[in-house]
Amino acid sequence: MKNRTTGRSAFLALLKDEGITHLFGNPGTTELPIMHALKDHPDLTYVMAMQESLVVAIADGFSRASGHLVACNVHVAPGLGNAMGALYNAQFTGTPMILTAGQQEQGHGLMEPLLYGPLVRMAEPLVKWAVEVTRLEDLPRIVRRAAKVATTPPTGPVFISLPGDILNAEAGIELGRSTRVDPRVRPSTEALQALAQRILKAQRPIIITGDEIVKSDALREAAEFAAAIGAPVHQQSAPYGAHFLSEHPCYIGALSRAQKQVRELLAPHDLMIVLGADPLRMSVHSETEPLPDGLPIVQIGLLDWELGKNFGAEIALKADVRETLQQLTPLLRDLGGAALQARAQERIAGLSSKNWSARRRTLSAQIEAARERMPIDPDYLALQVADAMPEHGILVDEGLTSARYMTALWPYRDRYNYHGLASGGIGWGLPASVGVSLANPDRPVVCYSGDGSAMYSIQALWTAAHHKLPLSVVIVNNGGYRIIKQRLLSFHGDDNYIGMDFADPPVDFAGLARSLGCEALRISDPGELKPTLSDAFRRPGAKLIEVMVSNAVN
């Protein structure tokens, strides 16, 4: 005989069995059945955020910092609407997420009551799968399928609409079992041989790495591959994770999103090797193509949409990056022998004056020249943040213009020690850092955010304070939308910055932080940066450091 249970309790039991440890949410009337059932599931931590976009962004940060499936719950149609920008970000990074929303009871929805909306149709453009539960007996199958779909490459969010009558109903149902699709596939022997021969043929190869390095846990394998052939390595043009070990002698840095600049950088090479990346994703339009004419591409990754998406690939292998490199690197060494080893060593020696470590030394010396400048130079602030962070710290980066050099200053040393804004939809960084900290309670987390970005999601500070997280939020206060000013001046020759300042009245971020329960500091003297940041980053508790920087547009 099947055990009788309510839909609300079955839903939470299913989430837990799928590996969910935290349920991120903002409760409303239609979600009260779930809140009612939580008392019977004390091992499931409920994390409340003060607006639905924050709920999804916190869950997104938790998943990106752990690699795990996450679940979050929002409040009917307006709540889903609030969450759409953050859901766009999660879709962009392929975050495995089950997003649910309470829905009006079936039948009552036909009356179009307040807060009612077609939730499935609303969610569909931004998720892999969207469905509404119409029978309690179907709930286990739907949740199990949602977890499988979300975690199977290409990973990404799924959506479930939960009508109130389903959550409150009771029946004898079988909860079923979890399914995970193992994506760790390798290419065929023939394909590996062809790829190895093609790489050995190249005289001036270049490697571009991306997000699948993180997802497949392939940092060490990518480093060994680069060393084996002695090729320079660049991170994809949208640097939003630790996509290569910064201090490796082959690593140069991230590609820019300036087409002409990227084309010039790639021009000397005769083969582009792409490892788990959309390598040349740009931002603003240019008549210049970033890929030089005739530069051949070989590409490895599980996301077949990205393989040869914009530029055709000579060889494209749909395979896990780590599994492939574990086979490819030894094969290259066997086939290339002493000649390859000697060539690789010569190539690596030639990179010693221009790799990431050498460039960081030069850049740091240049930035140090601004150490006494007032108002504080934002590049100098970025350097001080990178230098003050503990080695085992994690950086969440949404500094935009003030973080232009951050990936050149903060080294990637492990899979999860850097998380950057990926999609360009601002307001992600502050709540994401809350999720990152919840996923890594034993590591200090620093969020580096522009003032404009922070104002999209400042309420997330309350959640950080409530959970007493080891999180330091650095707000770069230049009193406006500097990136928009820069582009208005650059693209249109116009310095009439309408709607781009918050100077009258100014925003008091330190005051806002205190009102939300956080310790708060304000710095305007560059001499205070090093001691204040170093002390703050090493102390427990949630805190905000507001730094007053130059608002110069350059």
Protein backbone atom coordinates (compact mmCIF):
# COMPACT_ATOMS: atom_id res chain seq x y z
CA MET A 1 0.00 0.00 0.00
CA LYS A 2 1.34 3.43 -0.94
CA ASN A 3 1.96 5.88 1.89
CA ARG A 4 -0.54 8.75 2.01
CA THR A 5 1.04 12.17 1.96
CA THR A 6 0.20 15.74 1.09
CA GLY A 7 1.48 17.39 -2.05
CA ARG A 8 3.36 20.00 -0.01
CA SER A 9 5.24 17.40 2.04
CA ALA A 10 5.88 15.19 -0.98
CA PHE A 11 7.33 18.18 -2.85
CA LEU A 12 9.86 18.91 -0.11
CA ALA A 13 10.72 15.22 0.32
CA LEU A 14 11.38 14.96 -3.41
CA LEU A 15 13.64 18.02 -3.40
CA LYS A 16 15.69 16.61 -0.52
CA ASP A 17 16.05 13.27 -2.27
CA GLU A 18 17.35 15.11 -5.34
CA GLY A 19 20.16 16.57 -3.21
CA ILE A 20 18.60 19.93 -2.31
CA THR A 21 19.84 21.27 1.04
CA HIS A 22 18.56 24.86 0.82
CA LEU A 23 15.26 26.18 -0.48
CA PHE A 24 15.58 29.82 -1.54
CA GLY A 25 12.37 31.79 -1.52
CA ASN A 26 10.12 34.69 -0.77
CA PRO A 27 6.79 33.44 0.55
CA GLY A 28 3.31 34.57 -0.45
CA THR A 29 -0.21 33.30 0.14
CA THR A 30 -0.10 30.66 -2.59
CA GLU A 31 3.19 29.35 -1.17
CA LEU A 32 1.85 28.98 2.38
CA PRO A 33 1.34 25.20 1.96
CA ILE A 34 5.10 24.86 1.41
CA MET A 35 5.86 27.07 4.40
CA HIS A 36 3.41 24.99 6.46
CA ALA A 37 5.21 21.78 5.47
CA LEU A 38 8.70 23.06 6.26
CA LYS A 39 8.23 22.36 9.97
CA ASP A 40 8.18 18.65 9.10
CA HIS A 41 11.45 18.95 7.13
CA PRO A 42 13.89 20.63 9.55
CA ASP A 43 16.89 19.37 7.57
CA LEU A 44 15.94 21.64 4.65
CA THR A 45 17.26 25.18 5.23
CA TYR A 46 14.93 27.91 4.06
CA VAL A 47 16.74 31.05 2.87
CA MET A 48 14.50 34.08 2.59
CA ALA A 49 15.33 37.04 0.37
CA MET A 50 13.36 40.24 0.20
CA GLN A 51 12.48 40.18 -3.50
CA GLU A 52 12.19 37.40 -6.06
CA SER A 53 15.05 38.51 -8.31
CA LEU A 54 17.30 38.16 -5.26
CA VAL A 55 15.92 34.70 -4.54
CA VAL A 56 16.97 33.43 -7.96
CA ALA A 57 20.33 35.25 -7.92
CA ILE A 58 21.22 33.85 -4.48
CA ALA A 59 20.33 30.36 -5.67
CA ASP A 60 22.36 30.97 -8.83
CA GLY A 61 25.41 31.96 -6.75
CA PHE A 62 25.02 28.91 -4.53
CA SER A 63 24.98 26.60 -7.55
CA ARG A 64 27.87 28.30 -9.33
CA ALA A 65 29.98 28.03 -6.16
CA SER A 66 29.14 24.39 -5.49
CA GLY A 67 28.25 22.77 -8.81
CA HIS A 68 25.02 21.47 -7.26
CA LEU A 69 21.38 21.52 -8.29
CA VAL A 70 19.45 24.28 -6.49
CA ALA A 71 15.76 24.97 -5.86
CA CYS A 72 13.99 28.29 -5.40
CA ASN A 73 10.37 29.30 -4.99
CA VAL A 74 8.73 32.60 -5.98
CA HIS A 75 5.25 34.09 -5.57
CA VAL A 76 2.81 33.65 -8.46
CA ALA A 77 2.89 35.79 -11.61
CA PRO A 78 4.35 39.05 -10.24
CA GLY A 79 7.03 37.09 -8.37
CA LEU A 80 7.99 35.21 -11.51
CA GLY A 81 8.03 38.52 -13.34
CA ASN A 82 10.35 39.99 -10.71
CA ALA A 83 12.64 36.98 -11.11
CA MET A 84 12.96 37.07 -14.90
CA GLY A 85 16.15 39.15 -15.08
CA ALA A 86 17.91 36.86 -12.62
CA LEU A 87 16.50 33.84 -14.46
CA TYR A 88 18.03 35.22 -17.66
CA ASN A 89 21.41 35.27 -15.90
CA ALA A 90 20.95 31.66 -14.71
CA GLN A 91 20.02 30.55 -18.22
CA PHE A 92 23.11 32.27 -19.61
CA THR A 93 25.44 30.33 -17.30
CA GLY A 94 23.50 27.06 -17.53
CA THR A 95 22.78 26.96 -13.81
CA PRO A 96 21.02 23.70 -12.82
CA MET A 97 17.98 25.10 -11.02
CA ILE A 98 14.42 24.05 -10.22
CA LEU A 99 12.38 27.24 -10.06
CA THR A 100 8.84 26.89 -8.73
CA ALA A 101 6.00 29.33 -8.22
CA GLY A 102 2.76 28.95 -6.35
CA GLN A 103 -0.27 29.09 -8.61
CA GLN A 104 -3.94 29.73 -7.90
CA GLU A 105 -6.03 26.62 -7.34
CA GLN A 106 -7.17 24.91 -10.53
CA GLY A 107 -10.61 26.16 -11.41
CA HIS A 108 -10.14 29.30 -9.35
CA GLY A 109 -7.53 30.38 -11.88
CA LEU A 110 -10.24 30.32 -14.52
CA MET A 111 -11.82 33.24 -12.68
CA GLU A 112 -8.60 35.26 -13.25
CA PRO A 113 -8.19 36.33 -9.62
CA LEU A 114 -5.61 38.80 -8.38
CA LEU A 115 -1.99 37.70 -9.03
CA TYR A 116 -3.03 35.05 -11.57
CA GLY A 117 -1.04 34.62 -14.77
CA PRO A 118 -0.02 31.96 -17.30
CA LEU A 119 3.12 30.94 -15.41
CA VAL A 120 4.28 28.23 -17.80
CA ARG A 121 4.07 30.53 -20.82
CA MET A 122 5.85 33.28 -18.88
CA ALA A 123 8.76 31.03 -17.92
CA GLU A 124 9.19 29.07 -21.16
CA PRO A 125 11.56 31.46 -23.01
CA LEU A 126 14.17 31.24 -20.25
CA VAL A 127 14.06 27.61 -19.12
CA LYS A 128 14.79 24.17 -20.54
CA TRP A 129 11.38 22.83 -19.54
CA ALA A 130 8.26 24.39 -18.01
CA VAL A 131 5.21 22.51 -16.70
CA GLU A 132 2.25 22.88 -14.36
CA VAL A 133 1.28 20.04 -12.05
CA THR A 134 -2.36 19.08 -12.65
CA ARG A 135 -2.55 15.85 -10.59
CA LEU A 136 -0.87 15.07 -7.28
CA GLU A 137 0.02 11.63 -8.63
CA ASP A 138 2.15 13.31 -11.30
CA LEU A 139 4.19 15.40 -8.85
CA PRO A 140 6.99 12.84 -8.29
CA ARG A 141 7.43 12.23 -12.02
CA ILE A 142 7.56 15.97 -12.71
CA VAL A 143 10.07 16.80 -9.95
CA ARG A 144 12.27 13.82 -10.89
CA ARG A 145 12.22 14.81 -14.55
CA ALA A 146 12.91 18.45 -13.70
CA ALA A 147 16.00 17.51 -11.68
CA LYS A 148 17.27 15.28 -14.47
CA VAL A 149 16.69 17.89 -17.17
CA ALA A 150 18.29 20.68 -15.14
CA THR A 151 21.47 18.68 -14.43
CA THR A 152 21.96 17.14 -17.88
CA PRO A 153 24.20 19.13 -20.26
CA PRO A 154 23.39 21.64 -21.47
CA THR A 155 22.46 22.28 -17.85
CA GLY A 156 20.01 25.03 -16.99
CA PRO A 157 16.91 26.16 -15.14
CA VAL A 158 13.54 24.40 -15.30
CA PHE A 159 10.18 25.70 -14.05
CA ILE A 160 7.27 24.05 -12.22
CA SER A 161 3.96 25.75 -11.50
CA LEU A 162 2.41 24.46 -8.24
CA PRO A 163 -1.34 25.04 -7.89
CA GLY A 164 -2.55 25.37 -4.32
CA ASP A 165 -5.02 22.49 -4.57
CA ILE A 166 -2.18 20.14 -5.61
CA LEU A 167 -0.05 21.18 -2.63
CA ASN A 168 -2.93 20.74 -0.19
CA ALA A 169 -4.26 17.48 -1.64
CA GLU A 170 -3.51 14.13 0.01
CA ALA A 171 -3.10 10.77 -1.68
CA GLY A 172 -1.15 7.56 -1.66
CA ILE A 173 1.72 8.19 -4.07
CA GLU A 174 5.05 6.58 -4.89
CA LEU A 175 7.95 9.05 -4.81
CA GLY A 176 10.07 7.14 -7.35
CA ARG A 177 13.83 7.55 -7.64
CA SER A 178 16.36 10.09 -8.80
CA THR A 179 18.08 9.88 -12.19
CA ARG A 180 21.35 11.52 -13.21
CA VAL A 181 22.73 11.30 -16.72
CA ASP A 182 26.51 10.80 -16.68
CA PRO A 183 27.91 13.28 -19.23
CA ARG A 184 31.56 12.28 -18.94
CA VAL A 185 31.87 11.06 -22.52
CA ARG A 186 35.13 10.68 -24.44
CA PRO A 187 35.73 10.93 -28.17
CA SER A 188 36.43 7.82 -30.21
CA THR A 189 40.00 6.62 -30.65
CA GLU A 190 39.89 7.73 -34.29
CA ALA A 191 38.66 11.21 -33.38
CA LEU A 192 41.36 11.64 -30.74
CA GLN A 193 44.05 10.54 -33.19
CA ALA A 194 42.82 13.03 -35.79
CA LEU A 195 42.70 15.84 -33.25
CA ALA A 196 46.18 15.05 -31.93
CA GLN A 197 47.65 15.00 -35.43
CA ARG A 198 45.98 18.32 -36.25
CA ILE A 199 47.37 19.96 -33.10
CA LEU A 200 50.87 18.63 -33.76
CA LYS A 201 50.74 20.06 -37.26
CA ALA A 202 50.20 23.60 -35.94
CA GLN A 203 53.26 25.80 -35.53
CA ARG A 204 51.62 28.64 -33.57
CA PRO A 205 48.56 27.29 -31.74
CA ILE A 206 46.55 29.30 -29.23
CA ILE A 207 44.17 27.91 -26.59
CA ILE A 208 40.89 29.56 -25.53
CA THR A 209 39.24 28.20 -22.37
CA GLY A 210 35.75 28.72 -20.98
CA ASP A 211 33.06 27.74 -18.52
CA GLU A 212 33.14 24.01 -19.19
CA ILE A 213 36.59 23.97 -17.57
CA VAL A 214 34.78 24.77 -14.32
CA LYS A 215 31.77 22.54 -14.90
CA SER A 216 33.90 19.51 -15.80
CA ASP A 217 36.51 20.26 -13.09
CA ALA A 218 39.29 20.36 -15.69
CA LEU A 219 41.65 23.08 -14.43
CA ARG A 220 44.53 20.66 -13.81
CA GLU A 221 43.98 18.82 -17.08
CA ALA A 222 43.83 22.04 -19.10
CA ALA A 223 47.10 23.19 -17.49
CA GLU A 224 48.82 19.91 -18.35
CA PHE A 225 47.55 20.08 -21.93
CA ALA A 226 48.82 23.65 -22.38
CA ALA A 227 52.22 22.70 -20.96
CA ALA A 228 52.46 19.68 -23.24
CA ILE A 229 52.19 21.78 -26.39
CA GLY A 230 53.53 25.07 -25.00
CA ALA A 231 50.66 27.15 -26.31
CA PRO A 232 49.55 30.50 -24.90
CA VAL A 233 46.18 30.35 -23.15
CA HIS A 234 43.49 33.01 -23.08
CA GLN A 235 40.21 32.93 -21.24
CA GLN A 236 37.04 33.38 -23.28
CA SER A 237 35.97 36.98 -23.93
CA ALA A 238 33.32 36.86 -21.18
CA PRO A 239 35.39 35.96 -18.09
CA TYR A 240 32.89 34.76 -15.49
CA GLY A 241 34.70 31.87 -13.80
CA ALA A 242 38.09 30.42 -12.98
CA HIS A 243 38.66 29.10 -16.49
CA PHE A 244 42.42 28.51 -16.21
CA LEU A 245 45.08 28.65 -13.50
CA SER A 246 46.28 32.25 -13.65
CA GLU A 247 49.81 31.63 -12.40
CA HIS A 248 50.51 28.86 -14.94
CA PRO A 249 53.37 29.92 -17.24
CA CYS A 250 51.18 29.55 -20.35
CA TYR A 251 48.30 31.73 -19.18
CA ILE A 252 48.14 35.21 -20.71
CA GLY A 253 44.71 36.50 -19.61
CA ALA A 254 41.17 37.05 -20.82
CA LEU A 255 40.31 38.04 -24.36
CA SER A 256 38.69 41.44 -24.59
CA ARG A 257 35.29 42.07 -26.17
CA ALA A 258 36.76 44.51 -28.70
CA GLN A 259 36.61 42.81 -32.09
CA LYS A 260 39.52 44.65 -33.67
CA GLN A 261 41.76 44.01 -30.67
CA VAL A 262 40.90 40.30 -30.59
CA ARG A 263 41.45 39.94 -34.32
CA GLU A 264 44.93 41.46 -34.00
CA LEU A 265 45.78 39.18 -31.07
CA LEU A 266 44.70 36.04 -32.94
CA ALA A 267 46.28 36.98 -36.29
CA PRO A 268 49.77 35.50 -35.65
CA HIS A 269 48.37 32.04 -34.83
CA ASP A 270 47.66 29.16 -37.16
CA LEU A 271 45.24 27.13 -34.99
CA MET A 272 42.71 28.09 -32.32
CA ILE A 273 42.01 25.31 -29.82
CA VAL A 274 38.76 25.94 -27.95
CA LEU A 275 38.16 24.10 -24.67
CA GLY A 276 34.59 24.31 -23.43
CA ALA A 277 33.94 27.91 -24.43
CA ASP A 278 31.96 30.29 -26.55
CA PRO A 279 35.31 31.88 -27.32
CA LEU A 280 34.45 35.10 -29.13
CA ARG A 281 31.20 36.32 -27.59
CA MET A 282 31.20 40.09 -28.06
CA SER A 283 29.20 42.98 -26.64
CA VAL A 284 28.64 45.98 -28.90
CA HIS A 285 28.47 45.78 -32.68
CA SER A 286 31.54 46.19 -34.87
CA GLU A 287 32.09 45.88 -38.61
CA THR A 288 35.30 43.96 -37.81
CA GLU A 289 35.05 40.19 -37.36
CA PRO A 290 37.04 39.02 -34.32
CA LEU A 291 38.28 35.88 -36.09
CA PRO A 292 41.07 36.46 -38.64
CA ASP A 293 40.37 35.15 -42.13
CA GLY A 294 41.42 31.54 -42.53
CA LEU A 295 42.27 30.82 -38.88
CA PRO A 296 41.22 27.19 -38.35
CA ILE A 297 39.42 26.10 -35.19
CA VAL A 298 39.27 22.82 -33.29
CA GLN A 299 36.76 22.66 -30.48
CA ILE A 300 35.93 20.35 -27.56
CA GLY A 301 32.83 20.62 -25.40
CA LEU A 302 29.53 19.10 -24.37
CA LEU A 303 27.40 22.02 -25.53
CA ASP A 304 26.78 21.21 -29.15
CA TRP A 305 25.07 24.59 -29.69
CA GLU A 306 28.42 26.28 -29.01
CA LEU A 307 30.42 24.01 -31.33
CA GLY A 308 31.03 25.95 -34.53
CA LYS A 309 28.15 28.29 -33.59
CA ASN A 310 29.45 31.46 -35.24
CA PHE A 311 32.67 30.26 -36.86
CA GLY A 312 32.99 26.85 -38.44
CA ALA A 313 35.25 24.32 -36.73
CA GLU A 314 37.61 22.05 -38.63
CA ILE A 315 37.20 19.47 -35.87
CA ALA A 316 34.37 19.63 -33.31
CA LEU A 317 34.16 16.97 -30.62
CA LYS A 318 31.05 16.73 -28.45
CA ALA A 319 32.75 15.40 -25.35
CA ASP A 320 33.58 16.20 -21.75
CA VAL A 321 36.62 18.47 -21.57
CA ARG A 322 38.35 16.74 -18.66
CA GLU A 323 37.79 13.22 -19.96
CA THR A 324 39.04 14.25 -23.41
CA LEU A 325 42.16 16.01 -22.14
CA GLN A 326 43.03 13.04 -19.92
CA GLN A 327 43.30 11.00 -23.12
CA LEU A 328 44.55 13.68 -25.51
CA THR A 329 47.56 14.98 -23.56
CA PRO A 330 49.32 11.59 -23.15
CA LEU A 331 48.57 10.83 -26.80
CA LEU A 332 50.20 14.09 -27.88
CA ARG A 333 53.28 13.34 -25.79
CA ASP A 334 53.54 9.85 -27.29
CA LEU A 335 53.10 11.05 -30.87
CA GLY A 336 55.19 14.20 -30.51
CA GLY A 337 58.02 12.65 -28.51
CA ALA A 338 61.17 14.61 -27.74
CA ALA A 339 60.57 17.05 -30.58
CA LEU A 340 57.25 18.18 -29.10
CA GLN A 341 58.77 18.44 -25.62
CA ALA A 342 61.60 20.64 -26.87
CA ARG A 343 59.23 22.79 -28.93
CA ALA A 344 56.87 23.19 -25.95
CA GLN A 345 59.70 24.24 -23.64
CA GLU A 346 60.89 26.79 -26.17
CA ARG A 347 57.38 28.19 -26.60
CA ILE A 348 56.84 28.45 -22.84
CA ALA A 349 60.15 30.24 -22.39
CA GLY A 350 59.00 32.75 -24.98
CA LEU A 351 55.88 33.46 -22.92
CA SER A 352 57.72 34.28 -19.70
CA SER A 353 57.78 38.03 -20.28
CA LYS A 354 54.11 38.31 -21.30
CA ASN A 355 52.22 35.71 -19.27
CA TRP A 356 49.71 36.58 -16.55
CA SER A 357 52.29 36.74 -13.76
CA ALA A 358 54.62 39.03 -15.70
CA ARG A 359 51.76 41.24 -16.80
CA ARG A 360 50.45 41.46 -13.24
CA ARG A 361 53.81 42.73 -11.99
CA THR A 362 53.89 45.42 -14.66
CA LEU A 363 50.26 46.37 -14.18
CA SER A 364 50.59 46.54 -10.39
CA ALA A 365 53.55 48.92 -10.70
CA GLN A 366 51.56 51.15 -13.06
CA ILE A 367 48.53 51.23 -10.78
CA GLU A 368 50.66 51.92 -7.69
CA ALA A 369 51.51 55.29 -9.20
CA ALA A 370 47.97 56.39 -8.29
CA ARG A 371 48.25 55.38 -4.61
CA GLU A 372 47.96 58.96 -3.30
CA ARG A 373 45.43 60.19 -5.81
CA MET A 374 42.21 61.66 -4.39
CA PRO A 375 39.42 60.89 -4.92
CA ILE A 376 40.58 57.28 -4.87
CA ASP A 377 41.50 55.83 -8.26
CA PRO A 378 39.21 52.84 -8.95
CA ASP A 379 42.04 50.77 -10.44
CA TYR A 380 44.07 51.35 -7.28
CA LEU A 381 41.09 50.16 -5.24
CA ALA A 382 40.87 46.98 -7.34
CA LEU A 383 44.56 46.28 -6.71
CA GLN A 384 44.13 46.80 -2.97
CA VAL A 385 41.14 44.46 -2.87
CA ALA A 386 43.04 41.74 -4.74
CA ASP A 387 46.09 42.13 -2.49
CA ALA A 388 44.06 42.19 0.73
CA MET A 389 42.03 39.07 0.03
CA PRO A 390 43.05 35.88 1.86
CA GLU A 391 44.54 33.22 -0.41
CA HIS A 392 41.59 30.89 0.21
CA GLY A 393 39.09 33.69 -0.37
CA ILE A 394 36.44 33.80 -3.10
CA LEU A 395 35.81 36.88 -5.23
CA VAL A 396 32.38 37.72 -6.69
CA ASP A 397 32.92 40.44 -9.25
CA GLU A 398 30.42 42.95 -10.61
CA GLY A 399 32.59 46.01 -10.62
CA LEU A 400 32.16 46.66 -14.36
CA THR A 401 34.37 49.68 -15.20
CA SER A 402 35.98 49.72 -11.75
CA ALA A 403 36.92 46.06 -12.18
CA ARG A 404 38.42 46.37 -15.65
CA TYR A 405 41.71 44.89 -14.38
CA MET A 406 40.33 42.60 -11.69
CA THR A 407 40.88 39.32 -13.57
CA ALA A 408 44.43 40.53 -14.26
CA LEU A 409 45.00 41.07 -10.52
CA TRP A 410 43.14 38.32 -8.66
CA PRO A 411 44.56 34.88 -9.55
CA TYR A 412 42.38 31.87 -10.34
CA ARG A 413 43.76 29.13 -8.08
CA ASP A 414 40.85 26.72 -7.76
CA ARG A 415 37.60 25.85 -9.44
CA TYR A 416 35.40 28.17 -7.41
CA ASN A 417 37.54 31.11 -6.26
CA TYR A 418 36.18 33.59 -8.84
CA HIS A 419 32.66 34.31 -10.07
CA GLY A 420 31.91 37.18 -12.42
CA LEU A 421 28.83 38.68 -14.01
CA ALA A 422 28.23 36.66 -17.16
CA SER A 423 25.17 37.90 -19.01
CA GLY A 424 25.57 41.64 -18.49
CA GLY A 425 22.28 41.91 -16.57
CA ILE A 426 23.38 44.01 -13.60
CA GLY A 427 22.36 43.51 -9.98
CA TRP A 428 23.51 39.89 -9.91
CA GLY A 429 26.72 40.25 -7.90
CA LEU A 430 25.49 41.22 -4.44
CA PRO A 431 22.81 38.51 -4.05
CA ALA A 432 24.99 35.95 -5.86
CA SER A 433 27.72 36.55 -3.29
CA VAL A 434 25.22 35.64 -0.56
CA GLY A 435 24.63 32.29 -2.30
CA VAL A 436 28.36 31.80 -2.83
CA SER A 437 28.97 32.36 0.87
CA LEU A 438 26.16 30.01 1.90
CA ALA A 439 27.76 27.32 -0.29
CA ASN A 440 31.24 27.98 1.17
CA PRO A 441 30.75 28.81 4.85
CA ASP A 442 34.40 28.12 5.69
CA ARG A 443 35.83 30.55 3.11
CA PRO A 444 35.78 34.35 3.23
CA VAL A 445 33.84 35.82 0.32
CA VAL A 446 34.35 39.31 -1.10
CA CYS A 447 31.77 40.92 -3.36
CA TYR A 448 33.18 43.75 -5.49
CA SER A 449 30.30 45.77 -6.89
CA GLY A 450 29.65 49.07 -8.59
CA ASP A 451 27.20 51.41 -6.90
CA GLY A 452 24.73 51.26 -9.78
CA SER A 453 24.69 47.47 -9.77
CA ALA A 454 24.30 47.32 -6.00
CA MET A 455 21.17 49.47 -6.04
CA TYR A 456 19.39 46.81 -8.07
CA SER A 457 19.68 44.32 -5.21
CA ILE A 458 20.79 46.05 -2.02
CA GLN A 459 18.15 44.17 0.03
CA ALA A 460 20.32 41.06 -0.24
CA LEU A 461 22.42 42.50 2.58
CA TRP A 462 19.64 41.58 5.00
CA THR A 463 19.93 37.90 4.08
CA ALA A 464 23.71 38.06 4.54
CA ALA A 465 23.30 39.64 7.97
CA HIS A 466 20.53 37.25 8.99
CA HIS A 467 22.71 34.22 8.25
CA LYS A 468 25.82 35.87 9.74
CA LEU A 469 27.83 35.08 6.63
CA PRO A 470 31.60 35.67 6.31
CA LEU A 471 30.89 38.11 3.47
CA SER A 472 32.46 41.50 2.77
CA VAL A 473 30.76 43.69 0.19
CA VAL A 474 32.94 46.42 -1.34
CA ILE A 475 30.83 49.11 -3.00
CA VAL A 476 32.73 51.25 -5.50
CA ASN A 477 30.89 54.56 -5.18
CA ASN A 478 31.47 56.84 -8.15
CA GLY A 479 28.02 58.37 -7.92
CA GLY A 480 26.59 57.13 -11.20
CA TYR A 481 26.51 54.79 -14.18
CA ARG A 482 30.09 55.27 -15.31
CA ILE A 483 29.98 52.60 -18.03
CA ILE A 484 27.03 54.31 -19.74
CA LYS A 485 28.80 57.67 -19.53
CA GLN A 486 31.89 56.13 -21.12
CA ARG A 487 29.88 54.67 -23.98
CA LEU A 488 27.84 57.82 -24.57
CA LEU A 489 31.09 59.77 -24.86
CA SER A 490 32.87 57.12 -26.94
CA PHE A 491 30.05 56.18 -29.32
CA HIS A 492 28.28 59.52 -29.66
CA GLY A 493 30.81 62.15 -28.60
CA ASP A 494 28.27 63.38 -26.04
CA ASP A 495 29.17 64.31 -22.46
CA ASN A 496 25.67 65.42 -21.44
CA TYR A 497 25.03 62.61 -18.98
CA ILE A 498 21.27 62.72 -18.49
CA GLY A 499 19.90 60.13 -16.03
CA MET A 500 23.35 58.73 -15.21
CA ASP A 501 24.18 60.31 -11.83
CA PHE A 502 23.06 59.70 -8.25
CA ALA A 503 24.59 62.88 -6.85
CA ASP A 504 21.49 64.85 -5.87
CA PRO A 505 20.87 63.37 -3.39
CA PRO A 506 23.85 61.03 -2.97
CA VAL A 507 23.25 57.43 -1.91
CA ASP A 508 24.51 56.54 1.57
CA PHE A 509 25.50 52.90 1.15
CA ALA A 510 27.01 52.64 4.61
CA GLY A 511 23.75 53.90 6.07
CA LEU A 512 21.73 51.46 3.96
CA ALA A 513 23.91 48.58 5.13
CA ARG A 514 23.44 49.46 8.80
CA SER A 515 19.68 49.66 8.32
CA LEU A 516 19.77 46.09 6.97
CA GLY A 517 21.82 44.74 9.88
CA CYS A 518 25.35 44.84 8.47
CA GLU A 519 28.48 46.41 9.85
CA ALA A 520 29.41 49.31 7.59
CA LEU A 521 32.53 51.35 6.88
CA ARG A 522 33.26 54.21 4.49
CA ILE A 523 36.71 54.97 3.03
CA SER A 524 37.69 58.12 1.16
CA ASP A 525 41.44 58.21 1.94
CA PRO A 526 43.56 55.84 -0.19
CA GLY A 527 45.93 55.36 2.73
CA GLU A 528 43.15 53.63 4.67
CA LEU A 529 42.46 51.01 2.02
CA LYS A 530 45.11 48.41 2.79
CA PRO A 531 44.67 48.15 6.58
CA THR A 532 40.89 48.49 6.53
CA LEU A 533 40.31 45.95 3.76
CA SER A 534 42.80 43.44 5.18
CA ASP A 535 41.15 43.62 8.59
CA ALA A 536 37.59 43.43 7.25
CA PHE A 537 38.25 40.47 4.95
CA ARG A 538 39.63 38.40 7.84
CA ARG A 539 36.93 39.12 10.39
CA PRO A 540 33.71 37.09 10.60
CA GLY A 541 30.30 38.50 9.87
CA ALA A 542 28.59 40.39 7.07
CA LYS A 543 29.94 43.84 6.40
CA LEU A 544 29.89 46.55 3.73
CA ILE A 545 32.84 48.78 2.84
CA GLU A 546 31.81 51.82 0.82
CA VAL A 547 34.76 53.33 -1.06
CA MET A 548 34.43 56.82 -2.50
CA VAL A 549 36.25 56.85 -5.85
CA SER A 550 36.81 59.25 -8.70
CA ASN A 551 33.85 59.75 -11.04
CA ALA A 552 36.09 60.75 -13.92
CA VAL A 553 34.98 59.35 -17.30
CA ASN A 554 38.05 57.95 -19.04
